[in-house]
C-alpha atoms as a PDB file:
ATOM      1  CA  MET A   1       0.000   0.000   0.000  1.00  0.00           C
ATOM      2  CA  THR A   2       2.828   2.429   0.778  1.00  0.00           C
ATOM      3  CA  HIS A   3       4.101   2.035  -2.793  1.00  0.00           C
ATOM      4  CA  HIS A   4       0.858   3.315  -4.315  1.00  0.00           C
ATOM      5  CA  ILE A   5       0.592   6.107  -1.772  1.00  0.00           C
ATOM      6  CA  SER A   6       4.178   7.210  -2.462  1.00  0.00           C
ATOM      7  CA  THR A   7       3.567   7.030  -6.193  1.00  0.00           C
ATOM      8  CA  MET A   8       0.484   9.246  -5.874  1.00  0.00           C
ATOM      9  CA  ILE A   9       2.300  11.773  -3.679  1.00  0.00           C
ATOM     10  CA  ASN A  10       5.211  11.928  -6.130  1.00  0.00           C
ATOM     11  CA  SER A  11       2.915  12.309  -9.152  1.00  0.00           C
ATOM     12  CA  HIS A  12       0.946  15.236  -7.709  1.00  0.00           C
ATOM     13  CA  PRO A  13       1.319  18.391  -9.841  1.00  0.00           C
ATOM     14  CA  GLN A  14       1.190  20.680  -6.780  1.00  0.00           C
ATOM     15  CA  PRO A  15       2.758  18.818  -3.849  1.00  0.00           C
ATOM     16  CA  SER A  16       2.632  20.340  -0.397  1.00  0.00           C
ATOM     17  CA  GLU A  17       5.789  22.319   0.198  1.00  0.00           C
ATOM     18  CA  GLY A  18       8.035  21.466   3.093  1.00  0.00           C
ATOM     19  CA  LEU A  19       6.568  18.017   3.792  1.00  0.00           C
ATOM     20  CA  ASP A  20       8.803  14.982   4.010  1.00  0.00           C
ATOM     21  CA  LYS A  21       7.202  12.823   1.312  1.00  0.00           C
ATOM     22  CA  GLU A  22       8.473   9.557   2.781  1.00  0.00           C
ATOM     23  CA  LYS A  23       7.164  10.325   6.273  1.00  0.00           C
ATOM     24  CA  LEU A  24       3.891  11.540   4.751  1.00  0.00           C
ATOM     25  CA  ALA A  25       3.430   8.252   2.846  1.00  0.00           C
ATOM     26  CA  GLU A  26       4.311   6.215   5.943  1.00  0.00           C
ATOM     27  CA  CYS A  27       1.832   8.179   8.047  1.00  0.00           C
ATOM     28  CA  ILE A  28      -1.001   7.852   5.533  1.00  0.00           C
ATOM     29  CA  THR A  29      -0.360   4.106   5.335  1.00  0.00           C
ATOM     30  CA  ALA A  30      -0.253   3.769   9.123  1.00  0.00           C
ATOM     31  CA  CYS A  31      -3.490   5.764   9.489  1.00  0.00           C
ATOM     32  CA  PHE A  32      -5.464   3.620   7.055  1.00  0.00           C
ATOM     33  CA  GLU A  33      -4.033   0.385   8.443  1.00  0.00           C
ATOM     34  CA  CYS A  34      -4.866   1.456  11.990  1.00  0.00           C
ATOM     35  CA  ALA A  35      -8.409   2.419  10.966  1.00  0.00           C
ATOM     36  CA  GLN A  36      -8.976  -1.056   9.537  1.00  0.00           C
ATOM     37  CA  VAL A  37      -7.383  -2.883  12.464  1.00  0.00           C
ATOM     38  CA  CYS A  38      -9.357  -0.869  15.031  1.00  0.00           C
ATOM     39  CA  THR A  39     -12.614  -1.604  13.225  1.00  0.00           C
ATOM     40  CA  ALA A  40     -11.751  -5.306  13.115  1.00  0.00           C
ATOM     41  CA  CYS A  41     -10.785  -5.291  16.805  1.00  0.00           C
ATOM     42  CA  ALA A  42     -14.085  -3.668  17.774  1.00  0.00           C
ATOM     43  CA  ASP A  43     -15.935  -6.301  15.778  1.00  0.00           C
ATOM     44  CA  ALA A  44     -13.902  -9.096  17.383  1.00  0.00           C
ATOM     45  CA  CYS A  45     -14.667  -7.642  20.826  1.00  0.00           C
ATOM     46  CA  LEU A  46     -18.362  -7.820  19.960  1.00  0.00           C
ATOM     47  CA  GLY A  47     -17.896 -11.527  19.301  1.00  0.00           C
ATOM     48  CA  GLU A  48     -16.333 -12.231  22.697  1.00  0.00           C
ATOM     49  CA  GLU A  49     -18.430 -13.865  25.436  1.00  0.00           C
ATOM     50  CA  MET A  50     -17.339 -11.110  27.832  1.00  0.00           C
ATOM     51  CA  VAL A  51     -18.514  -8.357  25.470  1.00  0.00           C
ATOM     52  CA  ALA A  52     -20.050  -6.292  28.297  1.00  0.00           C
ATOM     53  CA  GLU A  53     -16.600  -5.945  29.843  1.00  0.00           C
ATOM     54  CA  LEU A  54     -15.184  -4.696  26.531  1.00  0.00           C
ATOM     55  CA  THR A  55     -17.525  -1.726  26.037  1.00  0.00           C
ATOM     56  CA  THR A  56     -14.790   0.861  26.585  1.00  0.00           C
ATOM     57  CA  CYS A  57     -12.437  -1.030  24.276  1.00  0.00           C
ATOM     58  CA  ILE A  58     -15.063  -1.177  21.525  1.00  0.00           C
ATOM     59  CA  ARG A  59     -15.855   2.522  21.816  1.00  0.00           C
ATOM     60  CA  THR A  60     -12.173   3.458  21.864  1.00  0.00           C
ATOM     61  CA  ASP A  61     -11.491   1.238  18.838  1.00  0.00           C
ATOM     62  CA  LEU A  62     -14.294   2.853  16.854  1.00  0.00           C
ATOM     63  CA  ASP A  63     -13.305   6.406  17.803  1.00  0.00           C
ATOM     64  CA  CYS A  64      -9.692   5.697  16.883  1.00  0.00           C
ATOM     65  CA  SER A  65     -10.727   4.119  13.589  1.00  0.00           C
ATOM     66  CA  ASP A  66     -12.767   7.164  12.570  1.00  0.00           C
ATOM     67  CA  ILE A  67     -10.015   9.608  13.551  1.00  0.00           C
ATOM     68  CA  CYS A  68      -7.337   7.599  11.725  1.00  0.00           C
ATOM     69  CA  ALA A  69      -9.440   7.320   8.567  1.00  0.00           C
ATOM     70  CA  ALA A  70     -10.163  11.054   8.561  1.00  0.00           C
ATOM     71  CA  THR A  71      -6.500  11.852   9.170  1.00  0.00           C
ATOM     72  CA  GLY A  72      -5.342   9.578   6.351  1.00  0.00           C
ATOM     73  CA  THR A  73      -7.836  11.180   4.001  1.00  0.00           C
ATOM     74  CA  ILE A  74      -6.856  14.751   4.894  1.00  0.00           C
ATOM     75  CA  LEU A  75      -3.140  13.944   4.647  1.00  0.00           C
ATOM     76  CA  SER A  76      -3.798  12.540   1.157  1.00  0.00           C
ATOM     77  CA  ARG A  77      -4.914  15.955  -0.086  1.00  0.00           C
ATOM     78  CA  GLN A  78      -1.966  17.979  -1.382  1.00  0.00           C
ATOM     79  CA  THR A  79      -3.538  20.933  -3.165  1.00  0.00           C
ATOM     80  CA  GLY A  80      -3.663  24.048  -0.983  1.00  0.00           C
ATOM     81  CA  THR A  81      -2.446  22.302   2.169  1.00  0.00           C
ATOM     82  CA  ASN A  82      -3.122  24.094   5.441  1.00  0.00           C
ATOM     83  CA  THR A  83      -0.361  23.203   7.906  1.00  0.00           C
ATOM     84  CA  ASP A  84      -2.519  24.163  10.907  1.00  0.00           C
ATOM     85  CA  ILE A  85      -5.162  21.612   9.893  1.00  0.00           C
ATOM     86  CA  PHE A  86      -2.493  18.969   9.210  1.00  0.00           C
ATOM     87  CA  ARG A  87      -0.985  19.608  12.636  1.00  0.00           C
ATOM     88  CA  ALA A  88      -4.371  19.444  14.414  1.00  0.00           C
ATOM     89  CA  MET A  89      -5.315  16.191  12.685  1.00  0.00           C
ATOM     90  CA  LEU A  90      -1.945  14.603  13.406  1.00  0.00           C
ATOM     91  CA  GLU A  91      -2.145  15.600  17.060  1.00  0.00           C
ATOM     92  CA  ALA A  92      -5.699  14.239  17.357  1.00  0.00           C
ATOM     93  CA  CYS A  93      -4.713  11.006  15.635  1.00  0.00           C
ATOM     94  CA  ARG A  94      -1.618  10.577  17.788  1.00  0.00           C
ATOM     95  CA  THR A  95      -3.726  11.097  20.913  1.00  0.00           C
ATOM     96  CA  ALA A  96      -6.487   8.707  19.805  1.00  0.00           C
ATOM     97  CA  CYS A  97      -3.940   6.034  18.925  1.00  0.00           C
ATOM     98  CA  GLY A  98      -2.231   6.372  22.300  1.00  0.00           C
ATOM     99  CA  VAL A  99      -5.535   6.077  24.159  1.00  0.00           C
ATOM    100  CA  CYS A 100      -6.648   3.104  22.071  1.00  0.00           C
ATOM    101  CA  ALA A 101      -3.296   1.341  22.428  1.00  0.00           C
ATOM    102  CA  ARG A 102      -3.406   1.688  26.214  1.00  0.00           C
ATOM    103  CA  GLU A 103      -6.957   0.316  26.322  1.00  0.00           C
ATOM    104  CA  CYS A 104      -6.185  -2.633  24.057  1.00  0.00           C
ATOM    105  CA  GLU A 105      -2.976  -3.406  25.939  1.00  0.00           C
ATOM    106  CA  GLN A 106      -5.119  -4.044  29.014  1.00  0.00           C
ATOM    107  CA  HIS A 107      -6.849  -6.898  27.158  1.00  0.00           C
ATOM    108  CA  ALA A 108      -3.923  -8.137  25.055  1.00  0.00           C
ATOM    109  CA  HIS A 109      -3.127 -11.038  27.372  1.00  0.00           C
ATOM    110  CA  MET A 110      -6.628 -12.458  26.824  1.00  0.00           C
ATOM    111  CA  HIS A 111      -7.445 -11.354  23.277  1.00  0.00           C
ATOM    112  CA  GLU A 112      -5.010 -11.602  20.369  1.00  0.00           C
ATOM    113  CA  HIS A 113      -7.043  -9.052  18.391  1.00  0.00           C
ATOM    114  CA  CYS A 114      -6.415  -6.474  21.132  1.00  0.00           C
ATOM    115  CA  ARG A 115      -2.666  -7.172  21.025  1.00  0.00           C
ATOM    116  CA  ILE A 116      -2.629  -6.691  17.261  1.00  0.00           C
ATOM    117  CA  CYS A 117      -4.689  -3.527  17.554  1.00  0.00           C
ATOM    118  CA  ALA A 118      -2.402  -2.055  20.210  1.00  0.00           C
ATOM    119  CA  GLU A 119       0.589  -2.650  17.913  1.00  0.00           C
ATOM    120  CA  ALA A 120      -1.114  -0.943  14.963  1.00  0.00           C
ATOM    121  CA  CYS A 121      -2.084   1.990  17.182  1.00  0.00           C
ATOM    122  CA  ARG A 122       1.482   2.402  18.456  1.00  0.00           C
ATOM    123  CA  ARG A 123       2.793   2.314  14.879  1.00  0.00           C
ATOM    124  CA  CYS A 124       0.317   4.999  13.815  1.00  0.00           C
ATOM    125  CA  GLU A 125       1.040   7.066  16.919  1.00  0.00           C
ATOM    126  CA  ASP A 126       4.762   6.978  16.048  1.00  0.00           C
ATOM    127  CA  ALA A 127       4.121   7.812  12.378  1.00  0.00           C
ATOM    128  CA  CYS A 128       2.007  10.831  13.360  1.00  0.00           C
ATOM    129  CA  ALA A 129       4.689  12.023  15.774  1.00  0.00           C
ATOM    130  CA  ALA A 130       7.387  11.613  13.123  1.00  0.00           C
ATOM    131  CA  LEU A 131       5.433  13.629  10.558  1.00  0.00           C
ATOM    132  CA  LEU A 132       4.528  16.258  13.148  1.00  0.00           C
ATOM    133  CA  ALA A 133       8.222  16.724  13.906  1.00  0.00           C
ATOM    134  CA  THR A 134       8.840  17.701  10.270  1.00  0.00           C
ATOM    135  CA  LEU A 135       6.147  20.390  10.092  1.00  0.00           C
ATOM    136  CA  THR A 136       7.409  23.966  10.160  1.00  0.00           C
END
């Protein structure tokens, strides 16, 4: 997936100035992957016998998924980039991923899907932080 994202970024006639294209592609990829994994984790939680005890995890997964998907979409837009909006989305995504990772880590010893989700959230959190560090 990163290959196609990088190819699209590099083919854009009006790329965003001052953005590290490699970190941008990695962040977009991490956002969309995290959105999918969080959605799948929430669904897997719904299938668990102890679903009532996973309510917070499900909600956190779904919130994180929506925020990651929106962030990936906004980061994909290069024409007329507003750095303030990029920064706000990256900060929100980094925060959501950190919260979701902490929640899933609490269940990771019992549920493999929560362990996988926590890993994807940490990867996205790191990718957002790395891209944020490049913004001027």
